[in-house]
Amino acid sequence: MPPLLLALLSLARLTAAADPVKVSVYYETLCPDSEKFVITQLYPVYQELKDIMLLDVNAYGKAEDYAIGDSYIFVCQHGPDECEGNMMIACAKKLIQSEDLFMAFTNCVMTVFTAAAAGPQCAEKHGIDFAPIQRCYASSEGRRLLHEVGVKQRTAAPDLHYVPWIMINDAYTDNQQTEAEKDLKKVVCDAYKGEKPAACGGGRGIYSWRPYGSHGFWNWFTRYYNN
């Protein structure tokens, strides 16, 4: 096979195999800034760009937990109701197998400033069995799961001083945080190294090249190879 053909095929594979953009969010269920971000940025962008996103959503934030015997107690920035809401999200994340349903449920509970109290209504709205989630966050399992979220957050984001705390591909910068809160879609599209989906406005990433319209690489390759 000619060297140029090998190079072109390698380029095509690079374009197709681009990694998704990892978006990690640490937030609080009763935080107004978290509510705004989830409702106006995170969920709408997830709906548009989920094919190029690897989402990791965690409700903990500026909370603290303390071991009491074989269980834990929690102190949350916005009080006990927030701890309950955070715990509900931890349980929902484990028990709702569909990411689409989990994100729809999360978005729903964040639209009501009561978090856990909105759980049954939001579960019913999206066809989710709420009983296992409720049993989870009313039990030691829920406390264990929320503690694990806290451990994860302290490891991944030890400098967290604000919520929502947004990381792209496991990295945090102040500029990126500001931009993501205003326009997460642009941040994700800019970070994606493959061929941009239509929701990003098309165009090219580092490894994609579309010199011949909608057929892109294969249009150009076919013309070259057949001439």
C-alpha atoms as a PDB file:
ATOM      1  CA  MET A   1       0.000   0.000   0.000  1.00  0.00           C
ATOM      2  CA  PRO A   2       1.449   3.418  -0.957  1.00  0.00           C
ATOM      3  CA  PRO A   3       2.804   5.448   1.997  1.00  0.00           C
ATOM      4  CA  LEU A   4       0.469   8.356   1.296  1.00  0.00           C
ATOM      5  CA  LEU A   5      -2.539   6.036   1.372  1.00  0.00           C
ATOM      6  CA  LEU A   6      -1.388   4.637   4.720  1.00  0.00           C
ATOM      7  CA  ALA A   7      -1.025   8.162   6.082  1.00  0.00           C
ATOM      8  CA  LEU A   8      -4.496   9.121   4.889  1.00  0.00           C
ATOM      9  CA  LEU A   9      -6.087   6.042   6.424  1.00  0.00           C
ATOM     10  CA  SER A  10      -4.297   6.770   9.693  1.00  0.00           C
ATOM     11  CA  LEU A  11      -5.676  10.304   9.605  1.00  0.00           C
ATOM     12  CA  ALA A  12      -9.189   8.944   9.114  1.00  0.00           C
ATOM     13  CA  ARG A  13      -8.785   6.619  12.088  1.00  0.00           C
ATOM     14  CA  LEU A  14      -7.559   9.475  14.276  1.00  0.00           C
ATOM     15  CA  THR A  15     -10.606  11.524  13.351  1.00  0.00           C
ATOM     16  CA  ALA A  16     -13.023   8.692  14.088  1.00  0.00           C
ATOM     17  CA  ALA A  17     -11.342   7.666  17.337  1.00  0.00           C
ATOM     18  CA  ALA A  18     -11.235  11.041  19.096  1.00  0.00           C
ATOM     19  CA  ASP A  19     -11.843  10.685  22.826  1.00  0.00           C
ATOM     20  CA  PRO A  20     -14.964  12.247  24.347  1.00  0.00           C
ATOM     21  CA  VAL A  21     -14.539  15.374  26.441  1.00  0.00           C
ATOM     22  CA  LYS A  22     -14.755  14.519  30.133  1.00  0.00           C
ATOM     23  CA  VAL A  23     -16.876  17.033  32.016  1.00  0.00           C
ATOM     24  CA  SER A  24     -16.747  16.640  35.803  1.00  0.00           C
ATOM     25  CA  VAL A  25     -19.071  18.743  37.932  1.00  0.00           C
ATOM     26  CA  TYR A  26     -19.107  19.012  41.728  1.00  0.00           C
ATOM     27  CA  TYR A  27     -22.158  20.876  42.957  1.00  0.00           C
ATOM     28  CA  GLU A  28     -24.761  21.203  45.723  1.00  0.00           C
ATOM     29  CA  THR A  29     -28.458  20.469  45.391  1.00  0.00           C
ATOM     30  CA  LEU A  30     -29.616  23.665  47.147  1.00  0.00           C
ATOM     31  CA  CYS A  31     -26.990  26.040  45.758  1.00  0.00           C
ATOM     32  CA  PRO A  32     -28.494  28.741  43.485  1.00  0.00           C
ATOM     33  CA  ASP A  33     -25.368  28.868  41.290  1.00  0.00           C
ATOM     34  CA  SER A  34     -25.434  25.077  40.940  1.00  0.00           C
ATOM     35  CA  GLU A  35     -29.125  25.190  40.069  1.00  0.00           C
ATOM     36  CA  LYS A  36     -28.528  27.802  37.378  1.00  0.00           C
ATOM     37  CA  PHE A  37     -25.630  25.873  35.854  1.00  0.00           C
ATOM     38  CA  VAL A  38     -27.421  22.522  35.742  1.00  0.00           C
ATOM     39  CA  ILE A  39     -30.610  23.967  34.266  1.00  0.00           C
ATOM     40  CA  THR A  40     -29.197  26.493  31.780  1.00  0.00           C
ATOM     41  CA  GLN A  41     -25.886  24.889  30.798  1.00  0.00           C
ATOM     42  CA  LEU A  42     -25.192  21.310  31.841  1.00  0.00           C
ATOM     43  CA  TYR A  43     -28.443  19.582  30.942  1.00  0.00           C
ATOM     44  CA  PRO A  44     -29.122  21.408  27.646  1.00  0.00           C
ATOM     45  CA  VAL A  45     -25.519  20.880  26.510  1.00  0.00           C
ATOM     46  CA  TYR A  46     -25.633  17.225  27.541  1.00  0.00           C
ATOM     47  CA  GLN A  47     -28.749  16.759  25.415  1.00  0.00           C
ATOM     48  CA  GLU A  48     -26.991  18.264  22.396  1.00  0.00           C
ATOM     49  CA  LEU A  49     -23.470  16.911  22.804  1.00  0.00           C
ATOM     50  CA  LYS A  50     -23.718  13.686  24.804  1.00  0.00           C
ATOM     51  CA  ASP A  51     -22.105  11.725  21.958  1.00  0.00           C
ATOM     52  CA  ILE A  52     -18.839  13.594  22.512  1.00  0.00           C
ATOM     53  CA  MET A  53     -19.099  14.011  26.292  1.00  0.00           C
ATOM     54  CA  LEU A  54     -18.097  11.787  29.192  1.00  0.00           C
ATOM     55  CA  LEU A  55     -20.131  13.199  32.046  1.00  0.00           C
ATOM     56  CA  ASP A  56     -19.321  12.853  35.755  1.00  0.00           C
ATOM     57  CA  VAL A  57     -21.839  14.650  37.980  1.00  0.00           C
ATOM     58  CA  ASN A  58     -21.405  14.681  41.770  1.00  0.00           C
ATOM     59  CA  ALA A  59     -23.506  16.395  44.455  1.00  0.00           C
ATOM     60  CA  TYR A  60     -21.324  17.228  47.476  1.00  0.00           C
ATOM     61  CA  GLY A  61     -19.594  20.619  47.246  1.00  0.00           C
ATOM     62  CA  LYS A  62     -18.714  22.448  50.452  1.00  0.00           C
ATOM     63  CA  ALA A  63     -19.930  19.646  52.679  1.00  0.00           C
ATOM     64  CA  GLU A  64     -18.107  17.765  55.392  1.00  0.00           C
ATOM     65  CA  ASP A  65     -18.619  14.277  56.750  1.00  0.00           C
ATOM     66  CA  TYR A  66     -17.604  12.596  59.966  1.00  0.00           C
ATOM     67  CA  ALA A  67     -17.393   8.906  60.778  1.00  0.00           C
ATOM     68  CA  ILE A  68     -19.650   7.761  63.598  1.00  0.00           C
ATOM     69  CA  GLY A  69     -19.079   4.068  64.211  1.00  0.00           C
ATOM     70  CA  ASP A  70     -19.620   2.354  60.872  1.00  0.00           C
ATOM     71  CA  SER A  71     -21.701   5.224  59.453  1.00  0.00           C
ATOM     72  CA  TYR A  72     -21.336   8.965  58.734  1.00  0.00           C
ATOM     73  CA  ILE A  73     -22.943  12.275  59.563  1.00  0.00           C
ATOM     74  CA  PHE A  74     -22.846  15.246  57.186  1.00  0.00           C
ATOM     75  CA  VAL A  75     -22.738  19.014  57.485  1.00  0.00           C
ATOM     76  CA  CYS A  76     -23.782  20.826  54.305  1.00  0.00           C
ATOM     77  CA  GLN A  77     -23.492  24.470  53.298  1.00  0.00           C
ATOM     78  CA  HIS A  78     -27.255  24.917  52.950  1.00  0.00           C
ATOM     79  CA  GLY A  79     -28.320  22.726  55.839  1.00  0.00           C
ATOM     80  CA  PRO A  80     -29.728  19.225  56.402  1.00  0.00           C
ATOM     81  CA  ASP A  81     -32.135  19.409  53.452  1.00  0.00           C
ATOM     82  CA  GLU A  82     -29.171  19.824  51.139  1.00  0.00           C
ATOM     83  CA  CYS A  83     -27.436  16.817  52.691  1.00  0.00           C
ATOM     84  CA  GLU A  84     -30.576  14.801  52.005  1.00  0.00           C
ATOM     85  CA  GLY A  85     -30.720  16.068  48.421  1.00  0.00           C
ATOM     86  CA  ASN A  86     -27.048  15.290  47.839  1.00  0.00           C
ATOM     87  CA  MET A  87     -27.569  11.804  49.237  1.00  0.00           C
ATOM     88  CA  MET A  88     -30.585  11.263  46.999  1.00  0.00           C
ATOM     89  CA  ILE A  89     -28.490  12.169  43.949  1.00  0.00           C
ATOM     90  CA  ALA A  90     -25.731   9.766  45.056  1.00  0.00           C
ATOM     91  CA  CYS A  91     -28.305   6.975  45.333  1.00  0.00           C
ATOM     92  CA  ALA A  92     -29.964   7.903  42.036  1.00  0.00           C
ATOM     93  CA  LYS A  93     -26.610   7.857  40.263  1.00  0.00           C
ATOM     94  CA  LYS A  94     -26.046   4.299  41.435  1.00  0.00           C
ATOM     95  CA  LEU A  95     -29.560   2.992  40.848  1.00  0.00           C
ATOM     96  CA  ILE A  96     -30.662   4.682  37.612  1.00  0.00           C
ATOM     97  CA  GLN A  97     -28.904   2.685  34.921  1.00  0.00           C
ATOM     98  CA  SER A  98     -29.669   5.053  32.034  1.00  0.00           C
ATOM     99  CA  GLU A  99     -27.510   8.177  31.970  1.00  0.00           C
ATOM    100  CA  ASP A 100     -30.235   9.977  30.012  1.00  0.00           C
ATOM    101  CA  LEU A 101     -32.764   9.225  32.755  1.00  0.00           C
ATOM    102  CA  PHE A 102     -30.332  10.121  35.524  1.00  0.00           C
ATOM    103  CA  MET A 103     -29.604  13.492  33.933  1.00  0.00           C
ATOM    104  CA  ALA A 104     -33.314  14.153  33.323  1.00  0.00           C
ATOM    105  CA  PHE A 105     -34.026  13.322  36.979  1.00  0.00           C
ATOM    106  CA  THR A 106     -31.147  15.517  38.181  1.00  0.00           C
ATOM    107  CA  ASN A 107     -32.292  18.443  36.051  1.00  0.00           C
ATOM    108  CA  CYS A 108     -35.846  18.038  37.318  1.00  0.00           C
ATOM    109  CA  VAL A 109     -34.959  18.069  41.015  1.00  0.00           C
ATOM    110  CA  MET A 110     -32.707  21.093  40.478  1.00  0.00           C
ATOM    111  CA  THR A 111     -35.627  23.091  39.086  1.00  0.00           C
ATOM    112  CA  VAL A 112     -37.386  22.897  42.462  1.00  0.00           C
ATOM    113  CA  PHE A 113     -35.665  24.497  45.436  1.00  0.00           C
ATOM    114  CA  THR A 114     -36.433  21.545  47.682  1.00  0.00           C
ATOM    115  CA  ALA A 115     -34.260  18.859  46.046  1.00  0.00           C
ATOM    116  CA  ALA A 116     -35.135  15.661  47.917  1.00  0.00           C
ATOM    117  CA  ALA A 117     -38.780  16.682  48.305  1.00  0.00           C
ATOM    118  CA  ALA A 118     -39.010  16.882  44.508  1.00  0.00           C
ATOM    119  CA  GLY A 119     -37.656  13.352  44.090  1.00  0.00           C
ATOM    120  CA  PRO A 120     -40.950  11.419  43.929  1.00  0.00           C
ATOM    121  CA  GLN A 121     -42.533  13.892  41.506  1.00  0.00           C
ATOM    122  CA  CYS A 122     -39.480  13.950  39.229  1.00  0.00           C
ATOM    123  CA  ALA A 123     -39.166  10.166  39.290  1.00  0.00           C
ATOM    124  CA  GLU A 124     -42.821   9.777  38.300  1.00  0.00           C
ATOM    125  CA  LYS A 125     -42.418  12.345  35.531  1.00  0.00           C
ATOM    126  CA  HIS A 126     -39.604  10.323  33.953  1.00  0.00           C
ATOM    127  CA  GLY A 127     -40.923   6.825  34.624  1.00  0.00           C
ATOM    128  CA  ILE A 128     -38.379   6.013  37.339  1.00  0.00           C
ATOM    129  CA  ASP A 129     -39.149   3.738  40.286  1.00  0.00           C
ATOM    130  CA  PHE A 130     -38.435   6.028  43.225  1.00  0.00           C
ATOM    131  CA  ALA A 131     -38.869   3.457  46.003  1.00  0.00           C
ATOM    132  CA  PRO A 132     -35.324   1.968  45.756  1.00  0.00           C
ATOM    133  CA  ILE A 133     -33.815   5.462  45.670  1.00  0.00           C
ATOM    134  CA  GLN A 134     -35.792   6.484  48.739  1.00  0.00           C
ATOM    135  CA  ARG A 135     -34.792   3.342  50.630  1.00  0.00           C
ATOM    136  CA  CYS A 136     -31.179   4.006  49.707  1.00  0.00           C
ATOM    137  CA  TYR A 137     -30.928   7.580  50.942  1.00  0.00           C
ATOM    138  CA  ALA A 138     -32.872   6.780  54.095  1.00  0.00           C
ATOM    139  CA  SER A 139     -30.349   4.079  54.997  1.00  0.00           C
ATOM    140  CA  SER A 140     -26.686   3.580  55.826  1.00  0.00           C
ATOM    141  CA  GLU A 141     -26.099   2.780  52.147  1.00  0.00           C
ATOM    142  CA  GLY A 142     -26.974   6.358  51.211  1.00  0.00           C
ATOM    143  CA  ARG A 143     -24.612   7.737  53.839  1.00  0.00           C
ATOM    144  CA  ARG A 144     -21.842   5.468  52.599  1.00  0.00           C
ATOM    145  CA  LEU A 145     -22.405   6.510  48.989  1.00  0.00           C
ATOM    146  CA  LEU A 146     -22.345  10.214  49.847  1.00  0.00           C
ATOM    147  CA  HIS A 147     -19.181   9.731  51.892  1.00  0.00           C
ATOM    148  CA  GLU A 148     -17.595   8.097  48.832  1.00  0.00           C
ATOM    149  CA  VAL A 149     -18.578  11.118  46.732  1.00  0.00           C
ATOM    150  CA  GLY A 150     -16.830  13.317  49.303  1.00  0.00           C
ATOM    151  CA  VAL A 151     -13.679  11.193  49.161  1.00  0.00           C
ATOM    152  CA  LYS A 152     -13.755  11.352  45.365  1.00  0.00           C
ATOM    153  CA  GLN A 153     -14.199  15.124  45.382  1.00  0.00           C
ATOM    154  CA  ARG A 154     -11.392  15.716  47.870  1.00  0.00           C
ATOM    155  CA  THR A 155      -9.082  13.635  45.679  1.00  0.00           C
ATOM    156  CA  ALA A 156     -10.080  15.096  42.309  1.00  0.00           C
ATOM    157  CA  ALA A 157     -10.686  18.701  43.396  1.00  0.00           C
ATOM    158  CA  PRO A 158      -8.728  19.360  46.608  1.00  0.00           C
ATOM    159  CA  ASP A 159      -8.766  23.121  45.984  1.00  0.00           C
ATOM    160  CA  LEU A 160     -12.542  23.366  45.580  1.00  0.00           C
ATOM    161  CA  HIS A 161     -13.730  26.671  47.028  1.00  0.00           C
ATOM    162  CA  TYR A 162     -16.758  27.374  44.842  1.00  0.00           C
ATOM    163  CA  VAL A 163     -19.665  25.447  43.383  1.00  0.00           C
ATOM    164  CA  PRO A 164     -20.412  24.379  40.800  1.00  0.00           C
ATOM    165  CA  TRP A 165     -16.782  23.314  40.350  1.00  0.00           C
ATOM    166  CA  ILE A 166     -16.259  22.373  36.702  1.00  0.00           C
ATOM    167  CA  MET A 167     -13.345  20.336  35.371  1.00  0.00           C
ATOM    168  CA  ILE A 168     -12.642  19.535  31.728  1.00  0.00           C
ATOM    169  CA  ASN A 169     -10.627  16.371  31.089  1.00  0.00           C
ATOM    170  CA  ASP A 170      -9.742  16.243  34.809  1.00  0.00           C
ATOM    171  CA  ALA A 171      -8.204  19.731  34.737  1.00  0.00           C
ATOM    172  CA  TYR A 172      -9.367  22.975  36.349  1.00  0.00           C
ATOM    173  CA  THR A 173      -8.490  26.589  35.562  1.00  0.00           C
ATOM    174  CA  ASP A 174     -10.216  29.787  36.663  1.00  0.00           C
ATOM    175  CA  ASN A 175     -10.663  30.940  33.065  1.00  0.00           C
ATOM    176  CA  GLN A 176     -12.157  27.623  32.023  1.00  0.00           C
ATOM    177  CA  GLN A 177     -14.516  27.714  35.007  1.00  0.00           C
ATOM    178  CA  THR A 178     -15.770  31.173  34.069  1.00  0.00           C
ATOM    179  CA  GLU A 179     -16.209  30.210  30.429  1.00  0.00           C
ATOM    180  CA  ALA A 180     -17.977  26.925  31.235  1.00  0.00           C
ATOM    181  CA  GLU A 181     -20.522  28.650  33.463  1.00  0.00           C
ATOM    182  CA  LYS A 182     -21.346  31.062  30.637  1.00  0.00           C
ATOM    183  CA  ASP A 183     -21.041  28.784  27.597  1.00  0.00           C
ATOM    184  CA  LEU A 184     -20.348  25.124  28.359  1.00  0.00           C
ATOM    185  CA  LYS A 185     -21.211  24.192  24.799  1.00  0.00           C
ATOM    186  CA  LYS A 186     -18.329  26.250  23.432  1.00  0.00           C
ATOM    187  CA  VAL A 187     -15.934  24.795  26.012  1.00  0.00           C
ATOM    188  CA  VAL A 188     -16.864  21.219  25.092  1.00  0.00           C
ATOM    189  CA  CYS A 189     -16.787  21.880  21.355  1.00  0.00           C
ATOM    190  CA  ASP A 190     -13.396  23.595  21.590  1.00  0.00           C
ATOM    191  CA  ALA A 191     -11.980  20.741  23.681  1.00  0.00           C
ATOM    192  CA  TYR A 192     -13.159  17.989  21.332  1.00  0.00           C
ATOM    193  CA  LYS A 193     -10.328  16.891  19.032  1.00  0.00           C
ATOM    194  CA  GLY A 194     -12.410  15.002  16.499  1.00  0.00           C
ATOM    195  CA  GLU A 195     -14.682  16.226  13.755  1.00  0.00           C
ATOM    196  CA  LYS A 196     -17.138  18.642  15.306  1.00  0.00           C
ATOM    197  CA  PRO A 197     -20.772  17.480  15.437  1.00  0.00           C
ATOM    198  CA  ALA A 198     -23.451  19.622  13.843  1.00  0.00           C
ATOM    199  CA  ALA A 199     -24.385  21.060  17.247  1.00  0.00           C
ATOM    200  CA  CYS A 200     -20.922  22.611  17.423  1.00  0.00           C
ATOM    201  CA  GLY A 201     -21.396  24.274  14.075  1.00  0.00           C
ATOM    202  CA  GLY A 202     -19.295  21.787  12.124  1.00  0.00           C
ATOM    203  CA  GLY A 203     -15.717  22.735  11.382  1.00  0.00           C
ATOM    204  CA  ARG A 204     -12.660  20.754  12.279  1.00  0.00           C
ATOM    205  CA  GLY A 205     -10.716  19.678  15.314  1.00  0.00           C
ATOM    206  CA  ILE A 206      -6.986  19.030  15.440  1.00  0.00           C
ATOM    207  CA  TYR A 207      -7.316  15.736  13.570  1.00  0.00           C
ATOM    208  CA  SER A 208     -10.231  16.419  11.241  1.00  0.00           C
ATOM    209  CA  TRP A 209     -10.122  17.988   7.806  1.00  0.00           C
ATOM    210  CA  ARG A 210     -13.094  18.749   5.570  1.00  0.00           C
ATOM    211  CA  PRO A 211     -11.757  20.343   2.379  1.00  0.00           C
ATOM    212  CA  TYR A 212     -14.599  19.083   0.148  1.00  0.00           C
ATOM    213  CA  GLY A 213     -17.913  19.876   1.763  1.00  0.00           C
ATOM    214  CA  SER A 214     -20.275  17.461   3.453  1.00  0.00           C
ATOM    215  CA  HIS A 215     -18.442  14.296   2.408  1.00  0.00           C
ATOM    216  CA  GLY A 216     -15.260  15.591   4.029  1.00  0.00           C
ATOM    217  CA  PHE A 217     -12.231  13.343   4.123  1.00  0.00           C
ATOM    218  CA  TRP A 218     -13.645  10.470   2.075  1.00  0.00           C
ATOM    219  CA  ASN A 219     -14.758  12.821  -0.696  1.00  0.00           C
ATOM    220  CA  TRP A 220     -11.249  14.219  -0.967  1.00  0.00           C
ATOM    221  CA  PHE A 221      -9.574  10.826  -0.556  1.00  0.00           C
ATOM    222  CA  THR A 222     -11.693   9.221  -3.305  1.00  0.00           C
ATOM    223  CA  ARG A 223     -10.916  12.040  -5.720  1.00  0.00           C
ATOM    224  CA  TYR A 224      -7.201  11.787  -4.981  1.00  0.00           C
ATOM    225  CA  TYR A 225      -6.915   8.010  -5.145  1.00  0.00           C
ATOM    226  CA  ASN A 226      -8.961   7.658  -8.341  1.00  0.00           C
ATOM    227  CA  ASN A 227      -6.947  10.278 -10.233  1.00  0.00           C
END
